[in-house]
Amino acid sequence: MSRIDEFLPLSTPVLHILLALGSERLHGLGIMDAIRAKSEGRAVILPGTLYVTLNRMVDDGLIVEVDRPEGADARRKYYRSTDLGREVVGAEMQRMSVLMDVARRDLLTDG
């Protein structure tokens, strides 16, 4: 089992946070807004879940806290995905793609 496999399948909050961050540097509210925007309003993460999950993801090495942009509010913490985080979300997307192929073949086709 590889280090990446240890994280799979991703929990819904972790998946949404990694997708929201992409290659950006965002603070908590920015992450919540990106989740809502990228999911076209279908996904919402509440602050309590967000901050507990962010702390765990930092501990796991999926994201890191980074310097704030020039002039940003000093109270905000900014995060970005690590290489590991991007590899893990890529592996999760591949895993989900296989599941979608199975569903299309076995459940969604006439036959």
N, C-alpha and C. Protein backbone atom coordinates (compact mmCIF):
# COMPACT_ATOMS: atom_id res chain seq x y z
N MET A 1 0.85 -1.18 0.00
CA MET A 1 0.00 0.00 0.00
C MET A 1 0.89 1.25 0.00
N SER A 2 0.62 2.17 -0.90
CA SER A 2 1.40 3.40 -0.96
C SER A 2 0.88 4.42 0.05
N ARG A 3 1.68 5.43 0.32
CA ARG A 3 1.28 6.51 1.23
C ARG A 3 -0.02 7.14 0.76
N ILE A 4 -0.18 7.29 -0.54
CA ILE A 4 -1.39 7.90 -1.10
C ILE A 4 -2.62 7.05 -0.78
N ASP A 5 -2.48 5.73 -0.91
CA ASP A 5 -3.61 4.83 -0.66
C ASP A 5 -4.12 4.91 0.77
N GLU A 6 -3.27 5.32 1.70
CA GLU A 6 -3.69 5.44 3.10
C GLU A 6 -4.81 6.45 3.28
N PHE A 7 -4.93 7.39 2.36
CA PHE A 7 -5.92 8.47 2.48
C PHE A 7 -7.24 8.14 1.79
N LEU A 8 -7.25 7.11 0.95
CA LEU A 8 -8.42 6.82 0.12
C LEU A 8 -9.36 5.82 0.78
N PRO A 9 -10.64 5.96 0.59
CA PRO A 9 -11.30 7.08 -0.09
C PRO A 9 -11.29 8.32 0.79
N LEU A 10 -11.28 9.48 0.15
CA LEU A 10 -11.29 10.75 0.88
C LEU A 10 -12.67 11.00 1.47
N SER A 11 -12.68 11.63 2.64
CA SER A 11 -13.95 12.10 3.19
C SER A 11 -14.45 13.25 2.32
N THR A 12 -15.72 13.49 2.34
CA THR A 12 -16.30 14.56 1.53
C THR A 12 -15.67 15.92 1.84
N PRO A 13 -15.52 16.30 3.12
CA PRO A 13 -14.89 17.61 3.37
C PRO A 13 -13.46 17.71 2.83
N VAL A 14 -12.66 16.66 3.00
CA VAL A 14 -11.28 16.69 2.51
C VAL A 14 -11.26 16.82 0.99
N LEU A 15 -12.10 16.06 0.33
CA LEU A 15 -12.18 16.13 -1.13
C LEU A 15 -12.54 17.54 -1.58
N HIS A 16 -13.55 18.11 -1.00
CA HIS A 16 -13.98 19.46 -1.40
C HIS A 16 -12.91 20.51 -1.10
N ILE A 17 -12.23 20.38 0.01
CA ILE A 17 -11.17 21.36 0.34
C ILE A 17 -10.03 21.26 -0.66
N LEU A 18 -9.59 20.05 -0.97
CA LEU A 18 -8.51 19.90 -1.95
C LEU A 18 -8.91 20.41 -3.32
N LEU A 19 -10.14 20.14 -3.73
CA LEU A 19 -10.62 20.65 -5.02
C LEU A 19 -10.73 22.17 -4.99
N ALA A 20 -11.18 22.73 -3.87
CA ALA A 20 -11.32 24.18 -3.75
C ALA A 20 -9.96 24.87 -3.83
N LEU A 21 -8.97 24.29 -3.16
CA LEU A 21 -7.64 24.91 -3.16
C LEU A 21 -6.98 24.81 -4.53
N GLY A 22 -7.09 23.65 -5.18
CA GLY A 22 -6.41 23.49 -6.46
C GLY A 22 -4.97 23.92 -6.31
N SER A 23 -4.57 24.92 -7.06
CA SER A 23 -3.21 25.45 -6.93
C SER A 23 -3.23 26.86 -6.32
N GLU A 24 -4.35 27.20 -5.70
CA GLU A 24 -4.50 28.54 -5.12
C GLU A 24 -4.08 28.56 -3.65
N ARG A 25 -3.93 29.75 -3.16
CA ARG A 25 -3.69 30.01 -1.74
C ARG A 25 -4.94 30.72 -1.24
N LEU A 26 -5.66 30.07 -0.31
CA LEU A 26 -6.93 30.61 0.17
C LEU A 26 -7.01 30.57 1.69
N HIS A 27 -7.80 31.48 2.25
CA HIS A 27 -8.10 31.45 3.67
C HIS A 27 -9.42 30.70 3.86
N GLY A 28 -9.81 30.47 5.10
CA GLY A 28 -10.99 29.66 5.39
C GLY A 28 -12.25 30.08 4.66
N LEU A 29 -12.61 31.35 4.76
CA LEU A 29 -13.82 31.83 4.08
C LEU A 29 -13.68 31.67 2.57
N GLY A 30 -12.48 31.92 2.06
CA GLY A 30 -12.24 31.74 0.62
C GLY A 30 -12.42 30.29 0.21
N ILE A 31 -12.00 29.36 1.07
CA ILE A 31 -12.20 27.93 0.78
C ILE A 31 -13.69 27.61 0.77
N MET A 32 -14.43 28.10 1.75
CA MET A 32 -15.88 27.85 1.78
C MET A 32 -16.55 28.41 0.53
N ASP A 33 -16.16 29.61 0.13
CA ASP A 33 -16.74 30.22 -1.08
C ASP A 33 -16.37 29.43 -2.33
N ALA A 34 -15.12 28.96 -2.41
CA ALA A 34 -14.69 28.18 -3.58
C ALA A 34 -15.44 26.85 -3.66
N ILE A 35 -15.67 26.22 -2.51
CA ILE A 35 -16.43 24.97 -2.50
C ILE A 35 -17.83 25.21 -3.05
N ARG A 36 -18.46 26.25 -2.57
CA ARG A 36 -19.82 26.57 -3.02
C ARG A 36 -19.82 26.88 -4.52
N ALA A 37 -18.86 27.67 -4.98
CA ALA A 37 -18.81 28.07 -6.39
C ALA A 37 -18.48 26.89 -7.30
N LYS A 38 -17.47 26.10 -6.94
CA LYS A 38 -17.04 25.00 -7.80
C LYS A 38 -18.06 23.88 -7.86
N SER A 39 -18.89 23.78 -6.80
CA SER A 39 -19.92 22.74 -6.79
C SER A 39 -21.26 23.29 -7.29
N GLU A 40 -21.25 24.52 -7.78
CA GLU A 40 -22.46 25.20 -8.24
C GLU A 40 -23.54 25.19 -7.15
N GLY A 41 -23.11 25.40 -5.92
CA GLY A 41 -24.02 25.50 -4.79
C GLY A 41 -24.48 24.17 -4.22
N ARG A 42 -24.01 23.07 -4.77
CA ARG A 42 -24.45 21.75 -4.30
C ARG A 42 -23.75 21.31 -3.02
N ALA A 43 -22.60 21.88 -2.74
CA ALA A 43 -21.84 21.51 -1.55
C ALA A 43 -21.60 22.75 -0.69
N VAL A 44 -21.77 22.56 0.59
CA VAL A 44 -21.51 23.62 1.56
C VAL A 44 -20.76 22.97 2.72
N ILE A 45 -19.73 23.62 3.19
CA ILE A 45 -19.02 23.13 4.36
C ILE A 45 -19.13 24.21 5.44
N LEU A 46 -19.52 23.80 6.62
CA LEU A 46 -19.71 24.74 7.72
C LEU A 46 -18.39 25.01 8.43
N PRO A 47 -18.27 26.17 9.07
CA PRO A 47 -16.99 26.56 9.68
C PRO A 47 -16.42 25.54 10.66
N GLY A 48 -17.25 24.95 11.51
CA GLY A 48 -16.74 23.98 12.47
C GLY A 48 -16.09 22.80 11.79
N THR A 49 -16.75 22.28 10.78
CA THR A 49 -16.19 21.15 10.01
C THR A 49 -14.94 21.60 9.26
N LEU A 50 -14.99 22.78 8.67
CA LEU A 50 -13.86 23.27 7.88
C LEU A 50 -12.60 23.35 8.71
N TYR A 51 -12.66 24.01 9.86
CA TYR A 51 -11.43 24.27 10.60
C TYR A 51 -10.88 23.02 11.27
N VAL A 52 -11.72 22.12 11.73
CA VAL A 52 -11.25 20.83 12.25
C VAL A 52 -10.56 20.05 11.13
N THR A 53 -11.18 20.04 9.95
CA THR A 53 -10.63 19.31 8.81
C THR A 53 -9.32 19.94 8.33
N LEU A 54 -9.25 21.27 8.27
CA LEU A 54 -8.01 21.94 7.86
C LEU A 54 -6.86 21.56 8.80
N ASN A 55 -7.12 21.57 10.09
CA ASN A 55 -6.07 21.23 11.05
C ASN A 55 -5.58 19.80 10.85
N ARG A 56 -6.51 18.88 10.62
CA ARG A 56 -6.14 17.48 10.40
C ARG A 56 -5.35 17.34 9.09
N MET A 57 -5.78 18.07 8.06
CA MET A 57 -5.09 17.99 6.77
C MET A 57 -3.67 18.55 6.86
N VAL A 58 -3.46 19.59 7.66
CA VAL A 58 -2.11 20.10 7.88
C VAL A 58 -1.28 19.02 8.57
N ASP A 59 -1.84 18.41 9.62
CA ASP A 59 -1.12 17.35 10.34
C ASP A 59 -0.77 16.18 9.41
N ASP A 60 -1.67 15.88 8.46
CA ASP A 60 -1.45 14.77 7.53
C ASP A 60 -0.53 15.12 6.36
N GLY A 61 -0.20 16.41 6.23
CA GLY A 61 0.68 16.82 5.14
C GLY A 61 -0.01 17.04 3.81
N LEU A 62 -1.35 17.12 3.81
CA LEU A 62 -2.09 17.33 2.56
C LEU A 62 -2.12 18.81 2.16
N ILE A 63 -2.08 19.67 3.16
CA ILE A 63 -2.05 21.11 2.93
C ILE A 63 -1.04 21.72 3.89
N VAL A 64 -0.63 22.94 3.61
CA VAL A 64 0.26 23.69 4.51
C VAL A 64 -0.29 25.09 4.68
N GLU A 65 0.02 25.67 5.83
CA GLU A 65 -0.29 27.07 6.05
C GLU A 65 0.81 27.87 5.37
N VAL A 66 0.41 28.90 4.64
CA VAL A 66 1.37 29.72 3.89
C VAL A 66 1.25 31.18 4.30
N ASP A 67 2.22 31.97 3.87
CA ASP A 67 2.20 33.40 4.17
C ASP A 67 0.98 34.06 3.56
N ARG A 68 0.49 35.06 4.27
CA ARG A 68 -0.63 35.85 3.76
C ARG A 68 -0.16 36.75 2.63
N PRO A 69 -1.04 37.02 1.67
CA PRO A 69 -0.69 37.99 0.64
C PRO A 69 -0.45 39.37 1.26
N GLU A 70 0.30 40.17 0.58
CA GLU A 70 0.57 41.54 1.03
C GLU A 70 -0.75 42.27 1.29
N GLY A 71 -0.87 42.86 2.46
CA GLY A 71 -2.05 43.65 2.80
C GLY A 71 -3.26 42.84 3.26
N ALA A 72 -3.13 41.52 3.36
CA ALA A 72 -4.26 40.68 3.79
C ALA A 72 -4.46 40.82 5.30
N ASP A 73 -5.67 40.57 5.73
CA ASP A 73 -6.05 40.61 7.13
C ASP A 73 -5.15 39.66 7.93
N ALA A 74 -4.47 40.19 8.94
CA ALA A 74 -3.52 39.41 9.72
C ALA A 74 -4.18 38.30 10.53
N ARG A 75 -5.49 38.38 10.71
CA ARG A 75 -6.19 37.34 11.48
C ARG A 75 -6.46 36.09 10.65
N ARG A 76 -6.32 36.18 9.35
CA ARG A 76 -6.63 35.04 8.47
C ARG A 76 -5.42 34.16 8.23
N LYS A 77 -5.67 32.85 8.26
CA LYS A 77 -4.65 31.88 7.90
C LYS A 77 -4.92 31.45 6.46
N TYR A 78 -3.86 31.36 5.71
CA TYR A 78 -3.96 30.94 4.31
C TYR A 78 -3.36 29.54 4.17
N TYR A 79 -3.94 28.77 3.26
CA TYR A 79 -3.53 27.39 3.04
C TYR A 79 -3.34 27.15 1.55
N ARG A 80 -2.50 26.15 1.25
CA ARG A 80 -2.39 25.66 -0.12
C ARG A 80 -2.15 24.16 -0.05
N SER A 81 -2.47 23.48 -1.13
CA SER A 81 -2.24 22.04 -1.22
C SER A 81 -0.75 21.76 -1.33
N THR A 82 -0.34 20.65 -0.77
CA THR A 82 1.03 20.17 -0.95
C THR A 82 1.07 19.26 -2.18
N ASP A 83 2.28 18.86 -2.57
CA ASP A 83 2.39 17.88 -3.65
C ASP A 83 1.63 16.61 -3.27
N LEU A 84 1.76 16.19 -2.02
CA LEU A 84 1.04 15.00 -1.56
C LEU A 84 -0.47 15.21 -1.69
N GLY A 85 -0.96 16.36 -1.28
CA GLY A 85 -2.39 16.65 -1.39
C GLY A 85 -2.88 16.58 -2.82
N ARG A 86 -2.09 17.13 -3.75
CA ARG A 86 -2.49 17.08 -5.16
C ARG A 86 -2.42 15.66 -5.71
N GLU A 87 -1.44 14.87 -5.27
CA GLU A 87 -1.37 13.48 -5.70
C GLU A 87 -2.55 12.67 -5.15
N VAL A 88 -2.90 12.93 -3.90
CA VAL A 88 -4.02 12.22 -3.28
C VAL A 88 -5.33 12.54 -3.97
N VAL A 89 -5.59 13.82 -4.26
CA VAL A 89 -6.85 14.16 -4.92
C VAL A 89 -6.87 13.60 -6.34
N GLY A 90 -5.72 13.55 -7.00
CA GLY A 90 -5.65 12.93 -8.33
C GLY A 90 -5.99 11.45 -8.27
N ALA A 91 -5.45 10.76 -7.26
CA ALA A 91 -5.74 9.34 -7.09
C ALA A 91 -7.22 9.12 -6.77
N GLU A 92 -7.80 10.02 -6.00
CA GLU A 92 -9.23 9.91 -5.68
C GLU A 92 -10.07 10.12 -6.93
N MET A 93 -9.69 11.06 -7.77
CA MET A 93 -10.43 11.29 -9.01
C MET A 93 -10.35 10.06 -9.91
N GLN A 94 -9.19 9.44 -9.96
CA GLN A 94 -9.04 8.23 -10.76
C GLN A 94 -9.90 7.10 -10.18
N ARG A 95 -9.91 6.96 -8.86
CA ARG A 95 -10.73 5.94 -8.20
C ARG A 95 -12.21 6.17 -8.51
N MET A 96 -12.64 7.42 -8.44
CA MET A 96 -14.04 7.74 -8.71
C MET A 96 -14.38 7.53 -10.18
N SER A 97 -13.44 7.79 -11.06
CA SER A 97 -13.66 7.56 -12.49
C SER A 97 -13.93 6.09 -12.77
N VAL A 98 -13.18 5.22 -12.13
CA VAL A 98 -13.40 3.78 -12.29
C VAL A 98 -14.80 3.42 -11.81
N LEU A 99 -15.21 3.97 -10.68
CA LEU A 99 -16.55 3.70 -10.17
C LEU A 99 -17.63 4.20 -11.13
N MET A 100 -17.40 5.37 -11.70
CA MET A 100 -18.36 5.91 -12.66
C MET A 100 -18.45 5.02 -13.90
N ASP A 101 -17.31 4.50 -14.36
CA ASP A 101 -17.31 3.58 -15.51
C ASP A 101 -18.13 2.33 -15.20
N VAL A 102 -17.96 1.79 -14.00
CA VAL A 102 -18.72 0.61 -13.58
C VAL A 102 -20.21 0.94 -13.55
N ALA A 103 -20.55 2.07 -12.98
CA ALA A 103 -21.96 2.46 -12.89
C ALA A 103 -22.57 2.65 -14.27
N ARG A 104 -21.84 3.31 -15.14
CA ARG A 104 -22.35 3.50 -16.51
C ARG A 104 -22.58 2.16 -17.20
N ARG A 105 -21.62 1.27 -17.06
CA ARG A 105 -21.69 -0.02 -17.72
C ARG A 105 -22.77 -0.91 -17.11
N ASP A 106 -22.83 -0.98 -15.79
CA ASP A 106 -23.67 -1.97 -15.12
C ASP A 106 -25.05 -1.44 -14.70
N LEU A 107 -25.16 -0.16 -14.48
CA LEU A 107 -26.40 0.36 -13.93
C LEU A 107 -27.16 1.30 -14.84
N LEU A 108 -26.45 1.99 -15.69
CA LEU A 108 -27.09 3.05 -16.45
C LEU A 108 -27.34 2.71 -17.91
N THR A 109 -26.98 1.52 -18.32
CA THR A 109 -27.19 1.16 -19.72
C THR A 109 -28.39 0.23 -19.85
N ASP A 110 -29.04 0.31 -20.97
CA ASP A 110 -30.14 -0.61 -21.26
C ASP A 110 -29.54 -1.96 -21.62
N GLY A 111 -30.13 -3.00 -21.18
CA GLY A 111 -29.56 -4.24 -21.61
C GLY A 111 -30.00 -5.36 -20.82
